[in-house]
Amino acid sequence: MKLLQALCPLVFLLACSKPSNASVLQDTCKSFAATRPDIGYDYCVKFFQAEKGSAAADKRGLAAIAVMIVHAAAKGTAKHIAALRASEKDKKVLECFRACSELYSDAVDEIGTAATGIASGTAGGREDAVTALSAVVDAPTTCEEGFQELQAPSPLAAEDAEFGREASVALTVTAAL
């Protein structure tokens, strides 16, 4: 949490450092769509519109914003998993929820590492951020695999799919720094 709090002033400074930088956002989302056509340009733009400062942010600012958005999503999914676990009686489904809970808890930690790496502004920090976000991208797929193995419908399918898209944006934008 402290890592993300430290990153917030960085996002503010980067977002406010230029009067308008919408072309950076557009160029970033075009580049993202070229590597992830399954998710696309429109999704990327919509993703960043959740944060007002993104329109004026440079590339590093966009990476920081993406990490903040993904952090909030991971925490929200972790809370939802906890609520589902509290009411579940089936031991096999509970085990899936336990595994998913661990995956999202680890994702929150990795996102903190990514935030620190981006904030550092160094090549090594960027590499650390990319490595951390690569692990984060795998969390929803791994979570879903548990339910598939049980041949049970996943109550997290929609959230896992959305988180996977969000994490992909964060990873791709950070890797392009």
Protein backbone atom coordinates (compact mmCIF):
# COMPACT_ATOMS: atom_id res chain seq x y z
CA MET A 1 0.00 0.00 0.00
CA LYS A 2 2.82 2.39 0.89
CA LEU A 3 4.39 1.70 -2.49
CA LEU A 4 1.27 2.78 -4.31
CA GLN A 5 0.90 5.82 -2.09
CA ALA A 6 4.44 6.78 -3.07
CA LEU A 7 3.52 6.31 -6.72
CA CYS A 8 0.47 8.62 -6.57
CA PRO A 9 2.52 11.85 -6.47
CA LEU A 10 4.56 10.56 -9.42
CA VAL A 11 1.38 9.99 -11.43
CA PHE A 12 0.18 13.48 -10.52
CA LEU A 13 3.45 15.11 -11.53
CA LEU A 14 3.69 13.19 -14.79
CA ALA A 15 0.08 13.82 -15.67
CA CYS A 16 0.31 17.52 -14.93
CA SER A 17 3.69 18.16 -16.51
CA LYS A 18 2.25 18.81 -19.97
CA PRO A 19 -0.91 20.69 -20.93
CA SER A 20 -2.11 17.96 -23.30
CA ASN A 21 -0.55 14.67 -24.20
CA ALA A 22 -3.53 12.80 -25.64
CA SER A 23 -1.45 11.68 -28.60
CA VAL A 24 0.79 9.70 -26.21
CA LEU A 25 -2.29 7.89 -24.94
CA GLN A 26 -3.52 7.28 -28.49
CA ASP A 27 -0.09 6.13 -29.69
CA THR A 28 0.28 3.87 -26.67
CA CYS A 29 -3.12 2.29 -27.26
CA LYS A 30 -2.39 1.86 -30.98
CA SER A 31 0.84 0.10 -30.09
CA PHE A 32 -0.99 -2.02 -27.53
CA ALA A 33 -3.66 -2.99 -30.08
CA ALA A 34 -0.96 -4.05 -32.54
CA THR A 35 0.41 -6.54 -30.02
CA ARG A 36 -2.94 -7.50 -28.48
CA PRO A 37 -5.58 -7.30 -31.24
CA ASP A 38 -7.76 -9.65 -29.20
CA ILE A 39 -8.21 -6.85 -26.66
CA GLY A 40 -7.82 -3.86 -28.96
CA TYR A 41 -7.44 -0.12 -29.13
CA ASP A 42 -10.91 0.84 -27.87
CA TYR A 43 -10.49 -1.25 -24.73
CA CYS A 44 -7.12 0.35 -24.04
CA VAL A 45 -8.52 3.87 -24.35
CA LYS A 46 -11.50 2.97 -22.15
CA PHE A 47 -9.16 1.42 -19.59
CA PHE A 48 -7.18 4.65 -19.26
CA GLN A 49 -10.26 6.88 -19.26
CA ALA A 50 -10.95 5.54 -15.76
CA GLU A 51 -8.17 7.91 -14.61
CA LYS A 52 -8.49 11.58 -15.54
CA GLY A 53 -4.74 12.19 -15.56
CA SER A 54 -4.14 9.68 -18.33
CA ALA A 55 -4.99 12.13 -21.11
CA ALA A 56 -2.03 14.30 -20.15
CA ALA A 57 0.39 11.57 -19.02
CA ASP A 58 3.61 10.57 -20.72
CA LYS A 59 4.47 6.88 -21.23
CA ARG A 60 5.85 6.41 -17.74
CA GLY A 61 2.81 8.15 -16.29
CA LEU A 62 0.54 5.81 -18.24
CA ALA A 63 2.42 2.81 -16.88
CA ALA A 64 2.02 4.15 -13.34
CA ILE A 65 -1.69 4.76 -13.92
CA ALA A 66 -2.14 1.27 -15.36
CA VAL A 67 -0.50 -0.24 -12.29
CA MET A 68 -2.78 1.74 -9.97
CA ILE A 69 -5.87 0.59 -11.87
CA VAL A 70 -4.74 -3.05 -11.84
CA HIS A 71 -3.92 -2.81 -8.13
CA ALA A 72 -7.46 -1.68 -7.34
CA ALA A 73 -8.89 -4.45 -9.51
CA ALA A 74 -6.77 -7.12 -7.82
CA LYS A 75 -7.82 -5.94 -4.38
CA GLY A 76 -11.47 -5.86 -5.44
CA THR A 77 -11.32 -9.39 -6.82
CA ALA A 78 -9.57 -10.61 -3.68
CA LYS A 79 -12.42 -9.16 -1.57
CA HIS A 80 -15.00 -10.82 -3.81
CA ILE A 81 -13.21 -14.16 -3.46
CA ALA A 82 -13.21 -13.79 0.33
CA ALA A 83 -16.97 -13.19 0.30
CA LEU A 84 -17.54 -16.23 -1.92
CA ARG A 85 -15.36 -18.39 0.32
CA ALA A 86 -17.34 -17.36 3.39
CA SER A 87 -20.56 -18.78 1.97
CA GLU A 88 -19.24 -21.83 0.09
CA LYS A 89 -19.80 -25.30 1.56
CA ASP A 90 -18.30 -27.55 -1.16
CA LYS A 91 -14.75 -28.48 -0.13
CA LYS A 92 -13.46 -28.76 -3.70
CA VAL A 93 -14.85 -25.37 -4.66
CA LEU A 94 -13.44 -23.93 -1.42
CA GLU A 95 -10.03 -25.23 -2.48
CA CYS A 96 -10.38 -23.41 -5.80
CA PHE A 97 -11.30 -20.23 -3.96
CA ARG A 98 -8.33 -20.67 -1.63
CA ALA A 99 -5.98 -21.04 -4.60
CA CYS A 100 -7.53 -18.03 -6.36
CA SER A 101 -7.28 -16.00 -3.17
CA GLU A 102 -3.58 -16.80 -2.93
CA LEU A 103 -3.06 -15.91 -6.60
CA TYR A 104 -4.70 -12.52 -6.19
CA SER A 105 -2.89 -11.84 -2.92
CA ASP A 106 0.39 -12.57 -4.69
CA ALA A 107 -0.74 -10.35 -7.58
CA VAL A 108 -1.26 -7.43 -5.19
CA ASP A 109 2.30 -7.92 -3.92
CA GLU A 110 3.71 -8.16 -7.45
CA ILE A 111 1.84 -5.02 -8.47
CA GLY A 112 3.56 -3.26 -5.57
CA THR A 113 6.90 -4.40 -6.99
CA ALA A 114 5.87 -3.12 -10.41
CA ALA A 115 4.89 0.25 -8.95
CA THR A 116 8.27 0.59 -7.28
CA GLY A 117 10.06 -0.35 -10.49
CA ILE A 118 8.15 2.19 -12.56
CA ALA A 119 8.63 4.91 -9.96
CA SER A 120 12.39 4.33 -9.98
CA GLY A 121 12.63 5.44 -13.59
CA THR A 122 15.60 3.13 -14.17
CA ALA A 123 16.11 0.34 -16.70
CA GLY A 124 16.44 -2.15 -13.85
CA GLY A 125 13.25 -0.88 -12.27
CA ARG A 126 11.43 -1.27 -15.57
CA GLU A 127 12.71 -4.84 -15.88
CA ASP A 128 11.53 -5.60 -12.34
CA ALA A 129 8.13 -4.12 -13.17
CA VAL A 130 7.80 -6.19 -16.36
CA THR A 131 8.79 -9.37 -14.52
CA ALA A 132 6.28 -8.66 -11.75
CA LEU A 133 3.47 -7.83 -14.17
CA SER A 134 4.18 -10.97 -16.18
CA ALA A 135 3.34 -12.98 -13.07
CA VAL A 136 0.22 -10.89 -12.48
CA VAL A 137 -1.11 -11.57 -15.99
CA ASP A 138 -1.11 -15.32 -15.26
CA ALA A 139 -3.21 -15.10 -12.08
CA PRO A 140 -6.70 -15.11 -13.64
CA THR A 141 -5.89 -17.94 -16.06
CA THR A 142 -4.48 -20.07 -13.27
CA CYS A 143 -7.53 -19.32 -11.13
CA GLU A 144 -9.88 -20.40 -13.92
CA GLU A 145 -7.92 -23.62 -14.50
CA GLY A 146 -8.89 -24.82 -11.03
CA PHE A 147 -12.58 -24.56 -11.82
CA GLN A 148 -12.04 -26.19 -15.21
CA GLU A 149 -10.35 -29.15 -13.55
CA LEU A 150 -13.38 -29.52 -11.30
CA GLN A 151 -15.63 -29.22 -14.33
CA ALA A 152 -17.48 -26.59 -12.36
CA PRO A 153 -18.62 -23.19 -13.58
CA SER A 154 -16.42 -20.43 -12.25
CA PRO A 155 -18.21 -17.65 -10.38
CA LEU A 156 -15.10 -15.56 -11.09
CA ALA A 157 -15.03 -16.02 -14.87
CA ALA A 158 -16.08 -12.48 -15.76
CA GLU A 159 -13.78 -10.87 -13.18
CA ASP A 160 -10.87 -13.08 -14.15
CA ALA A 161 -11.34 -12.22 -17.84
CA GLU A 162 -11.52 -8.48 -17.11
CA PHE A 163 -8.53 -8.60 -14.79
CA GLY A 164 -6.56 -10.48 -17.43
CA ARG A 165 -7.27 -7.72 -19.97
CA GLU A 166 -6.37 -5.00 -17.48
CA ALA A 167 -3.15 -6.70 -16.46
CA SER A 168 -2.25 -7.14 -20.14
CA VAL A 169 -2.59 -3.40 -20.69
CA ALA A 170 -0.38 -2.69 -17.68
CA LEU A 171 2.25 -5.19 -18.77
CA THR A 172 2.35 -4.05 -22.40
CA VAL A 173 2.51 -0.35 -21.53
CA THR A 174 5.24 -0.97 -18.96
CA ALA A 175 7.26 -3.17 -21.31
CA ALA A 176 7.20 -0.37 -23.91
CA LEU A 177 8.95 2.11 -21.57
